[in-house]
């Protein structure tokens, strides 16, 4: 019924999650289908979180670093989100 989540991009996962939410909020879904949608929604949410976590680890910021000879150079450091 559903495409394998591992093959979905972040945008595809998010779009499907939004569609599921709209269907469930409409109230026109049987209980058994609501349970399936809920389980799929949780899996999609987790997949999106994993993709974002991986992206965060890849992001670096560029900053100026003072050099010992009174000059400056650039270096990359991990992006720190607080």
N, C-alpha and C. Protein backbone atom coordinates (compact mmCIF):
# COMPACT_ATOMS: atom_id res chain seq x y z
N UNK A 1 0.82 -1.19 0.00
CA UNK A 1 0.00 0.00 0.00
C UNK A 1 0.87 1.26 0.00
N UNK A 2 1.88 1.30 0.87
CA UNK A 2 2.74 2.46 0.99
C UNK A 2 4.11 2.18 0.38
N UNK A 3 4.75 3.23 -0.11
CA UNK A 3 6.12 3.12 -0.61
C UNK A 3 7.07 2.97 0.58
N UNK A 4 8.17 2.24 0.36
CA UNK A 4 9.16 2.05 1.41
C UNK A 4 9.73 3.40 1.82
N UNK A 5 9.68 3.69 3.09
CA UNK A 5 10.10 5.00 3.60
C UNK A 5 11.57 5.28 3.31
N UNK A 6 12.40 4.26 3.35
CA UNK A 6 13.83 4.46 3.12
C UNK A 6 14.12 5.10 1.77
N UNK A 7 13.22 4.93 0.81
CA UNK A 7 13.41 5.46 -0.54
C UNK A 7 12.89 6.89 -0.70
N UNK A 8 12.27 7.44 0.34
CA UNK A 8 11.67 8.77 0.24
C UNK A 8 12.66 9.85 0.66
N UNK A 9 12.60 10.96 -0.05
CA UNK A 9 13.39 12.12 0.35
C UNK A 9 12.69 12.79 1.53
N UNK A 10 13.37 13.77 2.11
CA UNK A 10 12.77 14.52 3.20
C UNK A 10 11.47 15.18 2.74
N UNK A 11 11.52 15.83 1.58
CA UNK A 11 10.36 16.54 1.07
C UNK A 11 9.19 15.60 0.77
N UNK A 12 9.49 14.44 0.21
CA UNK A 12 8.43 13.46 -0.07
C UNK A 12 7.83 12.94 1.23
N UNK A 13 8.68 12.68 2.21
CA UNK A 13 8.20 12.18 3.50
C UNK A 13 7.31 13.21 4.19
N UNK A 14 7.75 14.45 4.17
CA UNK A 14 6.98 15.52 4.81
C UNK A 14 5.63 15.72 4.11
N UNK A 15 5.64 15.68 2.78
CA UNK A 15 4.39 15.84 2.02
C UNK A 15 3.42 14.71 2.33
N UNK A 16 3.93 13.48 2.41
CA UNK A 16 3.05 12.35 2.74
C UNK A 16 2.52 12.47 4.16
N UNK A 17 3.36 12.91 5.07
CA UNK A 17 2.93 13.10 6.46
C UNK A 17 1.83 14.14 6.54
N UNK A 18 1.98 15.23 5.80
CA UNK A 18 0.95 16.27 5.79
C UNK A 18 -0.36 15.74 5.22
N UNK A 19 -0.28 14.91 4.18
CA UNK A 19 -1.47 14.31 3.59
C UNK A 19 -2.18 13.40 4.59
N UNK A 20 -1.40 12.60 5.30
CA UNK A 20 -1.96 11.70 6.31
C UNK A 20 -2.67 12.50 7.39
N UNK A 21 -2.05 13.56 7.85
CA UNK A 21 -2.64 14.39 8.90
C UNK A 21 -3.97 14.98 8.44
N UNK A 22 -4.01 15.49 7.20
CA UNK A 22 -5.26 16.06 6.67
C UNK A 22 -6.37 15.01 6.60
N UNK A 23 -6.01 13.80 6.14
CA UNK A 23 -7.01 12.74 6.05
C UNK A 23 -7.54 12.37 7.42
N UNK A 24 -6.63 12.27 8.39
CA UNK A 24 -7.07 11.89 9.73
C UNK A 24 -7.90 12.99 10.38
N UNK A 25 -7.55 14.24 10.13
CA UNK A 25 -8.30 15.36 10.70
C UNK A 25 -9.68 15.50 10.08
N UNK A 26 -9.85 14.98 8.87
CA UNK A 26 -11.14 15.09 8.19
C UNK A 26 -12.23 14.28 8.89
N UNK A 27 -11.81 13.24 9.59
CA UNK A 27 -12.78 12.41 10.29
C UNK A 27 -13.48 11.39 9.40
N UNK A 28 -13.08 11.31 8.15
CA UNK A 28 -13.72 10.39 7.21
C UNK A 28 -12.95 9.09 7.06
N UNK A 29 -12.14 8.75 8.04
CA UNK A 29 -11.28 7.57 7.95
C UNK A 29 -11.74 6.56 8.99
N UNK A 30 -11.83 5.30 8.58
CA UNK A 30 -12.22 4.24 9.51
C UNK A 30 -11.12 4.05 10.55
N UNK A 31 -11.49 3.49 11.68
CA UNK A 31 -10.56 3.29 12.78
C UNK A 31 -9.34 2.47 12.35
N UNK A 32 -9.57 1.39 11.64
CA UNK A 32 -8.44 0.54 11.23
C UNK A 32 -7.47 1.30 10.33
N UNK A 33 -8.01 2.12 9.45
CA UNK A 33 -7.15 2.92 8.58
C UNK A 33 -6.46 4.03 9.37
N UNK A 34 -7.13 4.57 10.37
CA UNK A 34 -6.51 5.58 11.23
C UNK A 34 -5.29 5.02 11.94
N UNK A 35 -5.39 3.79 12.39
CA UNK A 35 -4.26 3.15 13.06
C UNK A 35 -3.10 2.98 12.08
N UNK A 36 -3.40 2.55 10.86
CA UNK A 36 -2.36 2.41 9.83
C UNK A 36 -1.72 3.76 9.52
N UNK A 37 -2.56 4.78 9.38
CA UNK A 37 -2.04 6.13 9.11
C UNK A 37 -1.16 6.62 10.26
N UNK A 38 -1.61 6.35 11.49
CA UNK A 38 -0.84 6.78 12.65
C UNK A 38 0.54 6.12 12.65
N UNK A 39 0.58 4.82 12.43
CA UNK A 39 1.85 4.09 12.41
C UNK A 39 2.75 4.60 11.28
N UNK A 40 2.16 4.82 10.13
CA UNK A 40 2.93 5.35 8.99
C UNK A 40 3.43 6.76 9.30
N UNK A 41 2.59 7.56 9.92
CA UNK A 41 2.97 8.92 10.28
C UNK A 41 4.15 8.95 11.24
N UNK A 42 4.15 8.08 12.23
CA UNK A 42 5.26 8.00 13.18
C UNK A 42 6.53 7.60 12.44
N UNK A 43 6.43 6.62 11.55
CA UNK A 43 7.61 6.19 10.79
C UNK A 43 8.13 7.31 9.90
N UNK A 44 7.23 8.07 9.28
CA UNK A 44 7.64 9.20 8.44
C UNK A 44 8.30 10.29 9.27
N UNK A 45 7.74 10.59 10.44
CA UNK A 45 8.32 11.59 11.34
C UNK A 45 9.74 11.19 11.74
N UNK A 46 9.91 9.93 12.10
CA UNK A 46 11.23 9.44 12.49
C UNK A 46 12.21 9.52 11.32
N UNK A 47 11.74 9.19 10.13
CA UNK A 47 12.59 9.27 8.93
C UNK A 47 13.03 10.71 8.68
N UNK A 48 12.10 11.65 8.80
CA UNK A 48 12.44 13.07 8.63
C UNK A 48 13.46 13.52 9.67
N UNK A 49 13.27 13.11 10.91
CA UNK A 49 14.21 13.47 11.96
C UNK A 49 15.60 12.91 11.69
N UNK A 50 15.66 11.68 11.19
CA UNK A 50 16.96 11.07 10.86
C UNK A 50 17.66 11.83 9.74
N UNK A 51 16.90 12.22 8.73
CA UNK A 51 17.48 12.98 7.62
C UNK A 51 18.00 14.32 8.11
N UNK A 52 17.23 15.00 8.96
CA UNK A 52 17.66 16.29 9.50
C UNK A 52 18.90 16.13 10.39
N UNK A 53 18.94 15.07 11.17
CA UNK A 53 20.09 14.82 12.04
C UNK A 53 21.35 14.61 11.19
N UNK A 54 21.23 13.83 10.13
CA UNK A 54 22.37 13.60 9.23
C UNK A 54 22.82 14.90 8.58
N UNK A 55 21.86 15.72 8.16
CA UNK A 55 22.20 17.00 7.52
C UNK A 55 22.92 17.90 8.51
N UNK A 56 22.45 17.93 9.74
CA UNK A 56 23.07 18.77 10.77
C UNK A 56 24.53 18.38 10.97
N UNK A 57 24.82 17.10 10.94
CA UNK A 57 26.19 16.64 11.14
C UNK A 57 27.09 17.05 9.98
N UNK A 58 26.51 17.26 8.81
CA UNK A 58 27.29 17.61 7.63
C UNK A 58 27.53 19.11 7.50
N UNK A 59 26.71 19.88 8.18
CA UNK A 59 26.80 21.34 8.06
C UNK A 59 27.99 21.85 8.85
N UNK A 60 28.72 22.71 8.23
CA UNK A 60 29.84 23.36 8.90
C UNK A 60 29.70 24.86 8.72
N UNK A 61 30.28 25.58 9.62
CA UNK A 61 30.29 27.02 9.45
C UNK A 61 31.74 27.46 9.24
N UNK A 62 31.89 28.56 8.56
CA UNK A 62 33.21 29.12 8.29
C UNK A 62 33.42 30.29 9.24
N UNK A 63 34.54 30.31 9.90
CA UNK A 63 34.82 31.41 10.81
C UNK A 63 36.26 31.86 10.64
N UNK A 64 36.51 33.11 11.03
CA UNK A 64 37.86 33.66 11.01
C UNK A 64 38.62 33.16 12.22
N UNK A 65 39.85 32.78 11.99
CA UNK A 65 40.70 32.29 13.07
C UNK A 65 41.97 33.14 13.08
N UNK A 66 42.27 33.75 14.21
CA UNK A 66 43.50 34.55 14.26
C UNK A 66 44.73 33.66 14.11
N UNK A 67 45.71 34.14 13.35
CA UNK A 67 46.96 33.43 13.17
C UNK A 67 48.02 34.04 14.09
N UNK A 68 49.05 33.30 14.36
CA UNK A 68 50.08 33.78 15.28
C UNK A 68 50.84 34.98 14.74
N UNK A 69 50.85 35.19 13.42
CA UNK A 69 51.59 36.31 12.83
C UNK A 69 50.68 37.53 12.61
N UNK A 70 49.69 37.71 13.46
CA UNK A 70 48.75 38.84 13.42
C UNK A 70 47.86 38.87 12.18
N UNK A 71 47.83 37.84 11.43
CA UNK A 71 46.93 37.74 10.29
C UNK A 71 45.70 36.93 10.66
N UNK A 72 44.89 36.63 9.68
CA UNK A 72 43.70 35.81 9.91
C UNK A 72 43.62 34.76 8.81
N UNK A 73 43.04 33.66 9.15
CA UNK A 73 42.76 32.63 8.16
C UNK A 73 41.36 32.09 8.44
N UNK A 74 40.86 31.38 7.48
CA UNK A 74 39.53 30.79 7.63
C UNK A 74 39.68 29.34 8.02
N UNK A 75 38.73 28.87 8.79
CA UNK A 75 38.67 27.45 9.10
C UNK A 75 37.19 27.06 9.16
N UNK A 76 36.95 25.80 8.98
CA UNK A 76 35.58 25.31 9.13
C UNK A 76 35.48 24.57 10.45
N UNK A 77 34.36 24.74 11.08
CA UNK A 77 34.10 24.07 12.37
C UNK A 77 32.68 23.53 12.30
N UNK A 78 32.41 22.48 13.07
CA UNK A 78 31.04 21.96 13.07
C UNK A 78 30.05 23.04 13.47
N UNK A 79 28.90 23.01 12.81
CA UNK A 79 27.83 23.97 13.08
C UNK A 79 27.20 23.58 14.41
N UNK A 80 27.11 24.51 15.34
CA UNK A 80 26.57 24.25 16.66
C UNK A 80 25.22 24.94 16.79
N UNK A 81 24.17 24.17 16.81
CA UNK A 81 22.82 24.72 16.96
C UNK A 81 22.43 24.63 18.42
N UNK A 82 22.04 25.75 18.97
CA UNK A 82 21.63 25.76 20.39
C UNK A 82 20.23 26.27 20.52
